[in-house]
Amino acid sequence: MENVRLNGKTLVVIRAILGLSQTDVGNLIGLTPMAISLLENGETKAMSAKNTARLIEALNLTPREFAAVQTAIRTVESKFNRGAVE
């Protein structure tokens, strides 16, 4: 999982699926809710690799599960952006 970085869109989806608040996620990895908000709103490019690894571990995800979530989000986003979703 070296150098894997979590973007805001992926974090929003993960939080929604797991029913976590920005505060919950921040507490898991030692960030403030404001830092999580900035990430999710695109004001911060991506979570650091170190914090991404912390979150993956805290959520008890395997690297394969995390990669699957990211791939699914990108696929849906790509179809939506191409107008394939009606």
PDB file of N, CA and C in Angstrom:
ATOM      1  N   MET A   1       0.817  -1.193   0.000  1.00  0.00           N
ATOM      2  CA  MET A   1       0.000   0.000   0.000  1.00  0.00           C
ATOM      3  C   MET A   1       0.860   1.256   0.000  1.00  0.00           C
ATOM      4  N   GLU A   2       2.120   1.119  -0.289  1.00  0.00           N
ATOM      5  CA  GLU A   2       2.989   2.290  -0.294  1.00  0.00           C
ATOM      6  C   GLU A   2       2.523   3.317  -1.306  1.00  0.00           C
ATOM      7  N   ASN A   3       2.579   4.570  -0.902  1.00  0.00           N
ATOM      8  CA  ASN A   3       2.279   5.707  -1.758  1.00  0.00           C
ATOM      9  C   ASN A   3       0.843   5.763  -2.265  1.00  0.00           C
ATOM     10  N   VAL A   4      -0.058   5.011  -1.676  1.00  0.00           N
ATOM     11  CA  VAL A   4      -1.469   5.111  -2.023  1.00  0.00           C
ATOM     12  C   VAL A   4      -2.029   6.318  -1.302  1.00  0.00           C
ATOM     13  N   ARG A   5      -2.731   7.158  -2.057  1.00  0.00           N
ATOM     14  CA  ARG A   5      -3.302   8.356  -1.460  1.00  0.00           C
ATOM     15  C   ARG A   5      -4.799   8.384  -1.726  1.00  0.00           C
ATOM     16  N   LEU A   6      -5.520   8.778  -0.716  1.00  0.00           N
ATOM     17  CA  LEU A   6      -6.977   8.812  -0.765  1.00  0.00           C
ATOM     18  C   LEU A   6      -7.442  10.197  -1.184  1.00  0.00           C
ATOM     19  N   ASN A   7      -8.327  10.265  -2.192  1.00  0.00           N
ATOM     20  CA  ASN A   7      -8.866  11.561  -2.556  1.00  0.00           C
ATOM     21  C   ASN A   7     -10.194  11.798  -1.838  1.00  0.00           C
ATOM     22  N   GLY A   8     -10.661  13.017  -1.908  1.00  0.00           N
ATOM     23  CA  GLY A   8     -11.860  13.400  -1.177  1.00  0.00           C
ATOM     24  C   GLY A   8     -13.106  12.646  -1.592  1.00  0.00           C
ATOM     25  N   LYS A   9     -13.269  12.399  -2.885  1.00  0.00           N
ATOM     26  CA  LYS A   9     -14.465  11.687  -3.361  1.00  0.00           C
ATOM     27  C   LYS A   9     -14.529  10.281  -2.793  1.00  0.00           C
ATOM     28  N   THR A  10     -13.387   9.621  -2.788  1.00  0.00           N
ATOM     29  CA  THR A  10     -13.349   8.267  -2.235  1.00  0.00           C
ATOM     30  C   THR A  10     -13.668   8.291  -0.751  1.00  0.00           C
ATOM     31  N   LEU A  11     -13.142   9.268  -0.046  1.00  0.00           N
ATOM     32  CA  LEU A  11     -13.401   9.363   1.391  1.00  0.00           C
ATOM     33  C   LEU A  11     -14.874   9.591   1.672  1.00  0.00           C
ATOM     34  N   VAL A  12     -15.529  10.440   0.898  1.00  0.00           N
ATOM     35  CA  VAL A  12     -16.962  10.689   1.084  1.00  0.00           C
ATOM     36  C   VAL A  12     -17.744   9.384   0.949  1.00  0.00           C
ATOM     37  N   VAL A  13     -17.422   8.602  -0.080  1.00  0.00           N
ATOM     38  CA  VAL A  13     -18.133   7.342  -0.309  1.00  0.00           C
ATOM     39  C   VAL A  13     -17.875   6.358   0.828  1.00  0.00           C
ATOM     40  N   ILE A  14     -16.623   6.229   1.231  1.00  0.00           N
ATOM     41  CA  ILE A  14     -16.294   5.318   2.330  1.00  0.00           C
ATOM     42  C   ILE A  14     -17.021   5.728   3.601  1.00  0.00           C
ATOM     43  N   ARG A  15     -17.019   7.027   3.888  1.00  0.00           N
ATOM     44  CA  ARG A  15     -17.724   7.504   5.088  1.00  0.00           C
ATOM     45  C   ARG A  15     -19.214   7.189   5.015  1.00  0.00           C
ATOM     46  N   ALA A  16     -19.812   7.419   3.839  1.00  0.00           N
ATOM     47  CA  ALA A  16     -21.249   7.173   3.666  1.00  0.00           C
ATOM     48  C   ALA A  16     -21.582   5.695   3.856  1.00  0.00           C
ATOM     49  N   ILE A  17     -20.779   4.839   3.250  1.00  0.00           N
ATOM     50  CA  ILE A  17     -21.020   3.396   3.362  1.00  0.00           C
ATOM     51  C   ILE A  17     -20.933   2.937   4.815  1.00  0.00           C
ATOM     52  N   LEU A  18     -19.953   3.471   5.530  1.00  0.00           N
ATOM     53  CA  LEU A  18     -19.717   3.030   6.909  1.00  0.00           C
ATOM     54  C   LEU A  18     -20.469   3.843   7.954  1.00  0.00           C
ATOM     55  N   GLY A  19     -21.141   4.898   7.512  1.00  0.00           N
ATOM     56  CA  GLY A  19     -21.907   5.723   8.450  1.00  0.00           C
ATOM     57  C   GLY A  19     -21.029   6.515   9.404  1.00  0.00           C
ATOM     58  N   LEU A  20     -19.868   6.951   8.919  1.00  0.00           N
ATOM     59  CA  LEU A  20     -18.934   7.695   9.762  1.00  0.00           C
ATOM     60  C   LEU A  20     -19.041   9.190   9.488  1.00  0.00           C
ATOM     61  N   SER A  21     -18.847   9.973  10.526  1.00  0.00           N
ATOM     62  CA  SER A  21     -18.802  11.427  10.370  1.00  0.00           C
ATOM     63  C   SER A  21     -17.372  11.860  10.063  1.00  0.00           C
ATOM     64  N   GLN A  22     -17.227  13.122   9.690  1.00  0.00           N
ATOM     65  CA  GLN A  22     -15.887  13.661   9.483  1.00  0.00           C
ATOM     66  C   GLN A  22     -15.097  13.607  10.785  1.00  0.00           C
ATOM     67  N   THR A  23     -15.769  13.840  11.885  1.00  0.00           N
ATOM     68  CA  THR A  23     -15.110  13.754  13.199  1.00  0.00           C
ATOM     69  C   THR A  23     -14.633  12.334  13.472  1.00  0.00           C
ATOM     70  N   ASP A  24     -15.477  11.351  13.153  1.00  0.00           N
ATOM     71  CA  ASP A  24     -15.093   9.946  13.355  1.00  0.00           C
ATOM     72  C   ASP A  24     -13.816   9.615  12.595  1.00  0.00           C
ATOM     73  N   VAL A  25     -13.785   9.998  11.317  1.00  0.00           N
ATOM     74  CA  VAL A  25     -12.609   9.709  10.487  1.00  0.00           C
ATOM     75  C   VAL A  25     -11.389  10.445  11.030  1.00  0.00           C
ATOM     76  N   GLY A  26     -11.571  11.703  11.376  1.00  0.00           N
ATOM     77  CA  GLY A  26     -10.466  12.475  11.935  1.00  0.00           C
ATOM     78  C   GLY A  26      -9.901  11.830  13.184  1.00  0.00           C
ATOM     79  N   ASN A  27     -10.792  11.360  14.044  1.00  0.00           N
ATOM     80  CA  ASN A  27     -10.339  10.702  15.278  1.00  0.00           C
ATOM     81  C   ASN A  27      -9.568   9.418  14.992  1.00  0.00           C
ATOM     82  N   LEU A  28      -9.957   8.714  13.952  1.00  0.00           N
ATOM     83  CA  LEU A  28      -9.267   7.466  13.612  1.00  0.00           C
ATOM     84  C   LEU A  28      -7.820   7.685  13.191  1.00  0.00           C
ATOM     85  N   ILE A  29      -7.561   8.829  12.553  1.00  0.00           N
ATOM     86  CA  ILE A  29      -6.221   9.037  11.998  1.00  0.00           C
ATOM     87  C   ILE A  29      -5.508  10.274  12.536  1.00  0.00           C
ATOM     88  N   GLY A  30      -6.133  10.968  13.476  1.00  0.00           N
ATOM     89  CA  GLY A  30      -5.464  12.101  14.102  1.00  0.00           C
ATOM     90  C   GLY A  30      -5.547  13.400  13.327  1.00  0.00           C
ATOM     91  N   LEU A  31      -6.634  13.584  12.558  1.00  0.00           N
ATOM     92  CA  LEU A  31      -6.854  14.843  11.855  1.00  0.00           C
ATOM     93  C   LEU A  31      -8.104  15.523  12.393  1.00  0.00           C
ATOM     94  N   THR A  32      -8.190  16.808  12.179  1.00  0.00           N
ATOM     95  CA  THR A  32      -9.380  17.548  12.617  1.00  0.00           C
ATOM     96  C   THR A  32     -10.514  17.336  11.610  1.00  0.00           C
ATOM     97  N   PRO A  33     -11.759  17.544  12.065  1.00  0.00           N
ATOM     98  CA  PRO A  33     -12.873  17.485  11.119  1.00  0.00           C
ATOM     99  C   PRO A  33     -12.698  18.506   9.986  1.00  0.00           C
ATOM    100  N   MET A  34     -12.102  19.648  10.275  1.00  0.00           N
ATOM    101  CA  MET A  34     -11.862  20.659   9.245  1.00  0.00           C
ATOM    102  C   MET A  34     -10.916  20.123   8.173  1.00  0.00           C
ATOM    103  N   ALA A  35      -9.878  19.411   8.578  1.00  0.00           N
ATOM    104  CA  ALA A  35      -8.944  18.829   7.611  1.00  0.00           C
ATOM    105  C   ALA A  35      -9.661  17.820   6.717  1.00  0.00           C
ATOM    106  N   ILE A  36     -10.559  17.033   7.297  1.00  0.00           N
ATOM    107  CA  ILE A  36     -11.334  16.060   6.524  1.00  0.00           C
ATOM    108  C   ILE A  36     -12.258  16.801   5.553  1.00  0.00           C
ATOM    109  N   SER A  37     -12.896  17.857   6.021  1.00  0.00           N
ATOM    110  CA  SER A  37     -13.784  18.659   5.179  1.00  0.00           C
ATOM    111  C   SER A  37     -13.036  19.262   3.999  1.00  0.00           C
ATOM    112  N   LEU A  38     -11.858  19.814   4.253  1.00  0.00           N
ATOM    113  CA  LEU A  38     -11.059  20.409   3.180  1.00  0.00           C
ATOM    114  C   LEU A  38     -10.702  19.373   2.124  1.00  0.00           C
ATOM    115  N   LEU A  39     -10.383  18.178   2.564  1.00  0.00           N
ATOM    116  CA  LEU A  39     -10.062  17.096   1.645  1.00  0.00           C
ATOM    117  C   LEU A  39     -11.281  16.730   0.806  1.00  0.00           C
ATOM    118  N   GLU A  40     -12.414  16.539   1.471  1.00  0.00           N
ATOM    119  CA  GLU A  40     -13.620  16.123   0.765  1.00  0.00           C
ATOM    120  C   GLU A  40     -14.129  17.181  -0.207  1.00  0.00           C
ATOM    121  N   ASN A  41     -13.884  18.425   0.086  1.00  0.00           N
ATOM    122  CA  ASN A  41     -14.338  19.518  -0.777  1.00  0.00           C
ATOM    123  C   ASN A  41     -13.324  19.885  -1.850  1.00  0.00           C
ATOM    124  N   GLY A  42     -12.241  19.146  -1.930  1.00  0.00           N
ATOM    125  CA  GLY A  42     -11.249  19.357  -2.978  1.00  0.00           C
ATOM    126  C   GLY A  42     -10.277  20.493  -2.707  1.00  0.00           C
ATOM    127  N   GLU A  43     -10.325  21.057  -1.511  1.00  0.00           N
ATOM    128  CA  GLU A  43      -9.398  22.142  -1.186  1.00  0.00           C
ATOM    129  C   GLU A  43      -8.022  21.602  -0.803  1.00  0.00           C
ATOM    130  N   THR A  44      -7.979  20.330  -0.447  1.00  0.00           N
ATOM    131  CA  THR A  44      -6.728  19.612  -0.238  1.00  0.00           C
ATOM    132  C   THR A  44      -6.724  18.507  -1.285  1.00  0.00           C
ATOM    133  N   LYS A  45      -5.644  18.398  -2.033  1.00  0.00           N
ATOM    134  CA  LYS A  45      -5.593  17.488  -3.180  1.00  0.00           C
ATOM    135  C   LYS A  45      -5.869  16.025  -2.800  1.00  0.00           C
ATOM    136  N   ALA A  46      -5.148  15.508  -1.844  1.00  0.00           N
ATOM    137  CA  ALA A  46      -5.326  14.115  -1.437  1.00  0.00           C
ATOM    138  C   ALA A  46      -4.746  13.914  -0.049  1.00  0.00           C
ATOM    139  N   MET A  47      -5.260  12.917   0.635  1.00  0.00           N
ATOM    140  CA  MET A  47      -4.736  12.568   1.948  1.00  0.00           C
ATOM    141  C   MET A  47      -3.337  11.992   1.755  1.00  0.00           C
ATOM    142  N   SER A  48      -2.449  12.282   2.668  1.00  0.00           N
ATOM    143  CA  SER A  48      -1.088  11.754   2.561  1.00  0.00           C
ATOM    144  C   SER A  48      -1.106  10.231   2.557  1.00  0.00           C
ATOM    145  N   ALA A  49      -0.074   9.653   1.998  1.00  0.00           N
ATOM    146  CA  ALA A  49       0.044   8.197   1.964  1.00  0.00           C
ATOM    147  C   ALA A  49       0.044   7.632   3.383  1.00  0.00           C
ATOM    148  N   LYS A  50       0.690   8.342   4.296  1.00  0.00           N
ATOM    149  CA  LYS A  50       0.760   7.895   5.692  1.00  0.00           C
ATOM    150  C   LYS A  50      -0.629   7.862   6.326  1.00  0.00           C
ATOM    151  N   ASN A  51      -1.405   8.933   6.138  1.00  0.00           N
ATOM    152  CA  ASN A  51      -2.747   8.967   6.716  1.00  0.00           C
ATOM    153  C   ASN A  51      -3.694   8.017   5.998  1.00  0.00           C
ATOM    154  N   THR A  52      -3.499   7.831   4.708  1.00  0.00           N
ATOM    155  CA  THR A  52      -4.308   6.856   3.971  1.00  0.00           C
ATOM    156  C   THR A  52      -4.066   5.463   4.543  1.00  0.00           C
ATOM    157  N   ALA A  53      -2.810   5.110   4.764  1.00  0.00           N
ATOM    158  CA  ALA A  53      -2.486   3.798   5.340  1.00  0.00           C
ATOM    159  C   ALA A  53      -3.096   3.655   6.734  1.00  0.00           C
ATOM    160  N   ARG A  54      -3.054   4.715   7.516  1.00  0.00           N
ATOM    161  CA  ARG A  54      -3.667   4.681   8.861  1.00  0.00           C
ATOM    162  C   ARG A  54      -5.165   4.412   8.774  1.00  0.00           C
ATOM    163  N   LEU A  55      -5.824   5.095   7.840  1.00  0.00           N
ATOM    164  CA  LEU A  55      -7.269   4.926   7.710  1.00  0.00           C
ATOM    165  C   LEU A  55      -7.621   3.525   7.244  1.00  0.00           C
ATOM    166  N   ILE A  56      -6.901   3.027   6.255  1.00  0.00           N
ATOM    167  CA  ILE A  56      -7.156   1.672   5.761  1.00  0.00           C
ATOM    168  C   ILE A  56      -7.014   0.670   6.899  1.00  0.00           C
ATOM    169  N   GLU A  57      -5.974   0.844   7.689  1.00  0.00           N
ATOM    170  CA  GLU A  57      -5.756  -0.055   8.831  1.00  0.00           C
ATOM    171  C   GLU A  57      -6.853   0.109   9.877  1.00  0.00           C
ATOM    172  N   ALA A  58      -7.215   1.340  10.191  1.00  0.00           N
ATOM    173  CA  ALA A  58      -8.238   1.597  11.209  1.00  0.00           C
ATOM    174  C   ALA A  58      -9.595   1.036  10.800  1.00  0.00           C
ATOM    175  N   LEU A  59      -9.876   1.040   9.500  1.00  0.00           N
ATOM    176  CA  LEU A  59     -11.148   0.521   9.005  1.00  0.00           C
ATOM    177  C   LEU A  59     -11.107  -0.987   8.758  1.00  0.00           C
ATOM    178  N   ASN A  60      -9.948  -1.583   9.026  1.00  0.00           N
ATOM    179  CA  ASN A  60      -9.760  -3.022   8.873  1.00  0.00           C
ATOM    180  C   ASN A  60     -10.024  -3.473   7.434  1.00  0.00           C
ATOM    181  N   LEU A  61      -9.587  -2.643   6.486  1.00  0.00           N
ATOM    182  CA  LEU A  61      -9.697  -2.993   5.073  1.00  0.00           C
ATOM    183  C   LEU A  61      -8.393  -3.628   4.606  1.00  0.00           C
ATOM    184  N   THR A  62      -8.511  -4.521   3.662  1.00  0.00           N
ATOM    185  CA  THR A  62      -7.307  -5.053   3.021  1.00  0.00           C
ATOM    186  C   THR A  62      -6.946  -4.123   1.867  1.00  0.00           C
ATOM    187  N   PRO A  63      -5.709  -4.173   1.426  1.00  0.00           N
ATOM    188  CA  PRO A  63      -5.345  -3.370   0.252  1.00  0.00           C
ATOM    189  C   PRO A  63      -6.236  -3.674  -0.958  1.00  0.00           C
ATOM    190  N   ARG A  64      -6.593  -4.919  -1.133  1.00  0.00           N
ATOM    191  CA  ARG A  64      -7.456  -5.312  -2.255  1.00  0.00           C
ATOM    192  C   ARG A  64      -8.852  -4.691  -2.116  1.00  0.00           C
ATOM    193  N   GLU A  65      -9.400  -4.687  -0.911  1.00  0.00           N
ATOM    194  CA  GLU A  65     -10.716  -4.086  -0.693  1.00  0.00           C
ATOM    195  C   GLU A  65     -10.678  -2.582  -0.943  1.00  0.00           C
ATOM    196  N   PHE A  66      -9.634  -1.947  -0.470  1.00  0.00           N
ATOM    197  CA  PHE A  66      -9.498  -0.504  -0.679  1.00  0.00           C
ATOM    198  C   PHE A  66      -9.384  -0.196  -2.170  1.00  0.00           C
ATOM    199  N   ALA A  67      -8.581  -0.964  -2.872  1.00  0.00           N
ATOM    200  CA  ALA A  67      -8.417  -0.755  -4.312  1.00  0.00           C
ATOM    201  C   ALA A  67      -9.743  -0.974  -5.043  1.00  0.00           C
ATOM    202  N   ALA A  68     -10.519  -1.942  -4.610  1.00  0.00           N
ATOM    203  CA  ALA A  68     -11.812  -2.216  -5.238  1.00  0.00           C
ATOM    204  C   ALA A  68     -12.769  -1.040  -5.060  1.00  0.00           C
ATOM    205  N   VAL A  69     -12.768  -0.438  -3.885  1.00  0.00           N
ATOM    206  CA  VAL A  69     -13.610   0.741  -3.642  1.00  0.00           C
ATOM    207  C   VAL A  69     -13.193   1.870  -4.573  1.00  0.00           C
ATOM    208  N   GLN A  70     -11.911   2.143  -4.646  1.00  0.00           N
ATOM    209  CA  GLN A  70     -11.432   3.219  -5.512  1.00  0.00           C
ATOM    210  C   GLN A  70     -11.779   2.953  -6.975  1.00  0.00           C
ATOM    211  N   THR A  71     -11.617   1.719  -7.422  1.00  0.00           N
ATOM    212  CA  THR A  71     -11.927   1.372  -8.806  1.00  0.00           C
ATOM    213  C   THR A  71     -13.410   1.544  -9.095  1.00  0.00           C
ATOM    214  N   ALA A  72     -14.250   1.095  -8.189  1.00  0.00           N
ATOM    215  CA  ALA A  72     -15.696   1.226  -8.383  1.00  0.00           C
ATOM    216  C   ALA A  72     -16.113   2.693  -8.473  1.00  0.00           C
ATOM    217  N   ILE A  73     -15.565   3.521  -7.619  1.00  0.00           N
ATOM    218  CA  ILE A  73     -15.894   4.948  -7.635  1.00  0.00           C
ATOM    219  C   ILE A  73     -15.453   5.574  -8.957  1.00  0.00           C
ATOM    220  N   ARG A  74     -14.256   5.274  -9.384  1.00  0.00           N
ATOM    221  CA  ARG A  74     -13.755   5.827 -10.656  1.00  0.00           C
ATOM    222  C   ARG A  74     -14.610   5.373 -11.840  1.00  0.00           C
ATOM    223  N   THR A  75     -15.038   4.110 -11.821  1.00  0.00           N
ATOM    224  CA  THR A  75     -15.860   3.583 -12.909  1.00  0.00           C
ATOM    225  C   THR A  75     -17.195   4.307 -12.983  1.00  0.00           C
ATOM    226  N   VAL A  76     -17.849   4.448 -11.853  1.00  0.00           N
ATOM    227  CA  VAL A  76     -19.141   5.134 -11.824  1.00  0.00           C
ATOM    228  C   VAL A  76     -18.970   6.597 -12.227  1.00  0.00           C
ATOM    229  N   GLU A  77     -17.956   7.233 -11.697  1.00  0.00           N
ATOM    230  CA  GLU A  77     -17.704   8.637 -12.030  1.00  0.00           C
ATOM    231  C   GLU A  77     -17.436   8.808 -13.521  1.00  0.00           C
ATOM    232  N   SER A  78     -16.668   7.912 -14.095  1.00  0.00           N
ATOM    233  CA  SER A  78     -16.348   7.975 -15.515  1.00  0.00           C
ATOM    234  C   SER A  78     -17.605   7.824 -16.371  1.00  0.00           C
ATOM    235  N   LYS A  79     -18.460   6.887 -16.029  1.00  0.00           N
ATOM    236  CA  LYS A  79     -19.705   6.685 -16.777  1.00  0.00           C
ATOM    237  C   LYS A  79     -20.614   7.902 -16.630  1.00  0.00           C
ATOM    238  N   PHE A  80     -20.683   8.445 -15.447  1.00  0.00           N
ATOM    239  CA  PHE A  80     -21.519   9.621 -15.203  1.00  0.00           C
ATOM    240  C   PHE A  80     -21.013  10.806 -16.010  1.00  0.00           C
ATOM    241  N   ASN A  81     -19.707  10.989 -16.030  1.00  0.00           N
ATOM    242  CA  ASN A  81     -19.111  12.117 -16.756  1.00  0.00           C
ATOM    243  C   ASN A  81     -19.269  11.967 -18.263  1.00  0.00           C
ATOM    244  N   ARG A  82     -19.390  10.747 -18.751  1.00  0.00           N
ATOM    245  CA  ARG A  82     -19.590  10.514 -20.187  1.00  0.00           C
ATOM    246  C   ARG A  82     -21.063  10.552 -20.566  1.00  0.00           C
ATOM    247  N   GLY A  83     -21.926  10.709 -19.578  1.00  0.00           N
ATOM    248  CA  GLY A  83     -23.356  10.754 -19.856  1.00  0.00           C
ATOM    249  C   GLY A  83     -23.991   9.383 -19.991  1.00  0.00           C
ATOM    250  N   ALA A  84     -23.283   8.342 -19.542  1.00  0.00           N
ATOM    251  CA  ALA A  84     -23.811   6.983 -19.659  1.00  0.00           C
ATOM    252  C   ALA A  84     -24.875   6.699 -18.600  1.00  0.00           C
ATOM    253  N   VAL A  85     -24.942   7.511 -17.570  1.00  0.00           N
ATOM    254  CA  VAL A  85     -25.926   7.315 -16.513  1.00  0.00           C
ATOM    255  C   VAL A  85     -27.086   8.261 -16.793  1.00  0.00           C
ATOM    256  N   GLU A  86     -28.274   7.694 -16.853  1.00  0.00           N
ATOM    257  CA  GLU A  86     -29.449   8.521 -17.139  1.00  0.00           C
ATOM    258  C   GLU A  86     -30.286   8.710 -15.912  1.00  0.00           C
TER     259      GLU A  86
END
